[in-house]
Amino acid sequence: MTFKDILPEDNLAMLELDEFGEFVEINGVLIRAVIQASTDDKSGNDKKNFKGLFGDFIDVYFRTEDYRNKKNSLPHNGETCHIYSREFDITKRFIVEVAADEMGMFHMTLAAYRQYKVNNYGN
């Protein structure tokens, strides 16, 4: 038995509801997933923000097979993605910035940008 044979079982352990997993609705598909909310100062995402825009970023992990069994195609970069999570109190539309199948686990970095008024008084 190889590492690649064992990995799918480890993915299931990470998604256990008693551990890190929760039920999340992604583009209308209800699956077990792990959501990690990023903060600008810890994630390095502050480099993606610029004057006039501010962004919220989350990372979502789920089993590729679970999503594919319910939908024909996986999310891809640049696509709009709708997320509903009761635990994180998220009902939001995001843009997929990163979408990658990592040995059976699908990883998405999602961004929701919003505009704010810039102070023109020397700041």
Protein backbone atom coordinates (compact mmCIF):
# COMPACT_ATOMS: atom_id res chain seq x y z
CA MET A 1 0.00 0.00 0.00
CA THR A 2 1.36 3.41 -0.99
CA PHE A 3 0.89 6.91 0.38
CA LYS A 4 -1.42 7.73 -2.55
CA ASP A 5 -3.61 4.75 -1.58
CA ILE A 6 -3.92 5.90 2.04
CA LEU A 7 -4.47 9.62 1.37
CA PRO A 8 -8.19 9.45 0.43
CA GLU A 9 -8.93 7.87 3.84
CA ASP A 10 -7.02 10.69 5.56
CA ASN A 11 -9.05 13.24 3.60
CA LEU A 12 -12.23 11.76 5.07
CA ALA A 13 -10.86 12.11 8.60
CA MET A 14 -10.19 15.83 8.08
CA LEU A 15 -13.77 16.35 6.85
CA GLU A 16 -15.39 14.58 9.82
CA LEU A 17 -18.12 16.77 11.32
CA ASP A 18 -16.72 16.16 14.83
CA GLU A 19 -13.31 17.42 13.70
CA PHE A 20 -12.93 20.25 11.17
CA GLY A 21 -15.70 19.53 8.68
CA GLU A 22 -19.12 21.06 8.27
CA PHE A 23 -21.88 20.91 5.70
CA VAL A 24 -21.42 23.71 3.17
CA GLU A 25 -23.47 24.55 0.11
CA ILE A 26 -21.22 25.39 -2.83
CA ASN A 27 -23.02 26.46 -6.02
CA GLY A 28 -26.11 24.58 -4.86
CA VAL A 29 -24.19 21.40 -3.95
CA LEU A 30 -24.35 20.38 -0.27
CA ILE A 31 -21.11 18.63 0.75
CA ARG A 32 -18.78 18.24 3.71
CA ALA A 33 -16.02 20.84 3.59
CA VAL A 34 -13.55 22.76 5.70
CA ILE A 35 -13.61 26.56 5.56
CA GLN A 36 -10.71 28.66 6.73
CA ALA A 37 -11.34 32.38 6.92
CA SER A 38 -8.24 34.43 6.14
CA THR A 39 -7.30 37.67 7.78
CA ASP A 40 -5.22 40.15 5.82
CA ASP A 41 -2.45 40.45 8.37
CA LYS A 42 -1.91 36.68 8.63
CA SER A 43 -2.60 35.45 5.11
CA GLY A 44 -0.59 37.85 2.97
CA ASN A 45 -3.81 38.75 1.15
CA ASP A 46 -3.25 42.42 2.00
CA LYS A 47 -1.03 42.50 -1.08
CA LYS A 48 -4.13 41.79 -3.20
CA ASN A 49 -5.98 44.83 -1.88
CA PHE A 50 -5.34 48.28 -3.24
CA LYS A 51 -6.66 51.77 -2.68
CA GLY A 52 -10.42 51.85 -3.09
CA LEU A 53 -10.98 48.09 -2.78
CA PHE A 54 -11.02 45.75 0.19
CA GLY A 55 -11.40 41.99 0.08
CA ASP A 56 -12.63 39.11 2.21
CA PHE A 57 -10.83 35.83 1.55
CA ILE A 58 -11.67 32.26 2.51
CA ASP A 59 -10.11 28.92 1.71
CA VAL A 60 -12.44 25.99 1.14
CA TYR A 61 -11.39 22.34 1.07
CA PHE A 62 -13.58 19.40 0.04
CA ARG A 63 -13.24 16.00 -1.59
CA THR A 64 -13.11 16.37 -5.36
CA GLU A 65 -15.09 13.16 -5.83
CA ASP A 66 -17.95 14.36 -3.58
CA TYR A 67 -18.48 17.48 -5.68
CA ARG A 68 -18.04 15.70 -9.04
CA ASN A 69 -20.65 13.11 -8.08
CA LYS A 70 -23.23 15.90 -7.79
CA LYS A 71 -22.08 18.28 -10.53
CA ASN A 72 -20.35 17.62 -13.83
CA SER A 73 -17.66 20.29 -13.56
CA LEU A 74 -15.51 21.66 -10.78
CA PRO A 75 -15.21 25.38 -10.00
CA HIS A 76 -12.41 27.11 -11.90
CA ASN A 77 -10.40 30.34 -11.64
CA GLY A 78 -12.38 33.48 -12.36
CA GLU A 79 -15.76 31.81 -11.90
CA THR A 80 -18.43 33.16 -9.54
CA CYS A 81 -19.01 30.86 -6.58
CA HIS A 82 -21.94 31.01 -4.15
CA ILE A 83 -21.20 29.74 -0.62
CA TYR A 84 -23.56 29.08 2.25
CA SER A 85 -22.10 28.09 5.62
CA ARG A 86 -24.19 28.14 8.79
CA GLU A 87 -21.14 27.80 11.06
CA PHE A 88 -19.29 30.78 9.55
CA ASP A 89 -22.56 32.66 8.90
CA ILE A 90 -21.55 33.11 5.28
CA THR A 91 -24.05 33.55 2.47
CA LYS A 92 -22.00 35.27 -0.13
CA ARG A 93 -20.94 35.41 -3.71
CA PHE A 94 -17.21 35.05 -4.22
CA ILE A 95 -14.80 34.98 -7.14
CA VAL A 96 -12.63 31.88 -7.38
CA GLU A 97 -9.01 33.05 -7.26
CA VAL A 98 -7.41 29.61 -6.87
CA ALA A 99 -8.95 26.27 -7.79
CA ALA A 100 -6.83 23.14 -7.59
CA ASP A 101 -7.33 19.42 -7.15
CA GLU A 102 -4.64 18.37 -4.69
CA MET A 103 -4.56 14.56 -4.66
CA GLY A 104 -8.31 14.13 -4.19
CA MET A 105 -8.90 17.25 -2.08
CA PHE A 106 -10.15 20.30 -3.93
CA HIS A 107 -8.81 23.62 -2.65
CA MET A 108 -10.36 26.97 -3.52
CA THR A 109 -9.28 30.41 -2.44
CA LEU A 110 -12.29 32.69 -2.75
CA ALA A 111 -12.35 36.48 -2.75
CA ALA A 112 -15.18 38.95 -2.27
CA TYR A 113 -14.09 42.49 -3.06
CA ARG A 114 -15.98 45.56 -2.05
CA GLN A 115 -15.40 49.24 -2.65
CA TYR A 116 -15.08 51.88 0.01
CA LYS A 117 -14.85 55.63 -0.21
CA VAL A 118 -11.29 56.90 -0.15
CA ASN A 119 -10.54 59.77 2.22
CA ASN A 120 -9.13 62.57 0.09
CA TYR A 121 -7.84 64.60 3.05
CA GLY A 122 -4.18 63.65 2.91
CA ASN A 123 -4.54 59.95 3.86
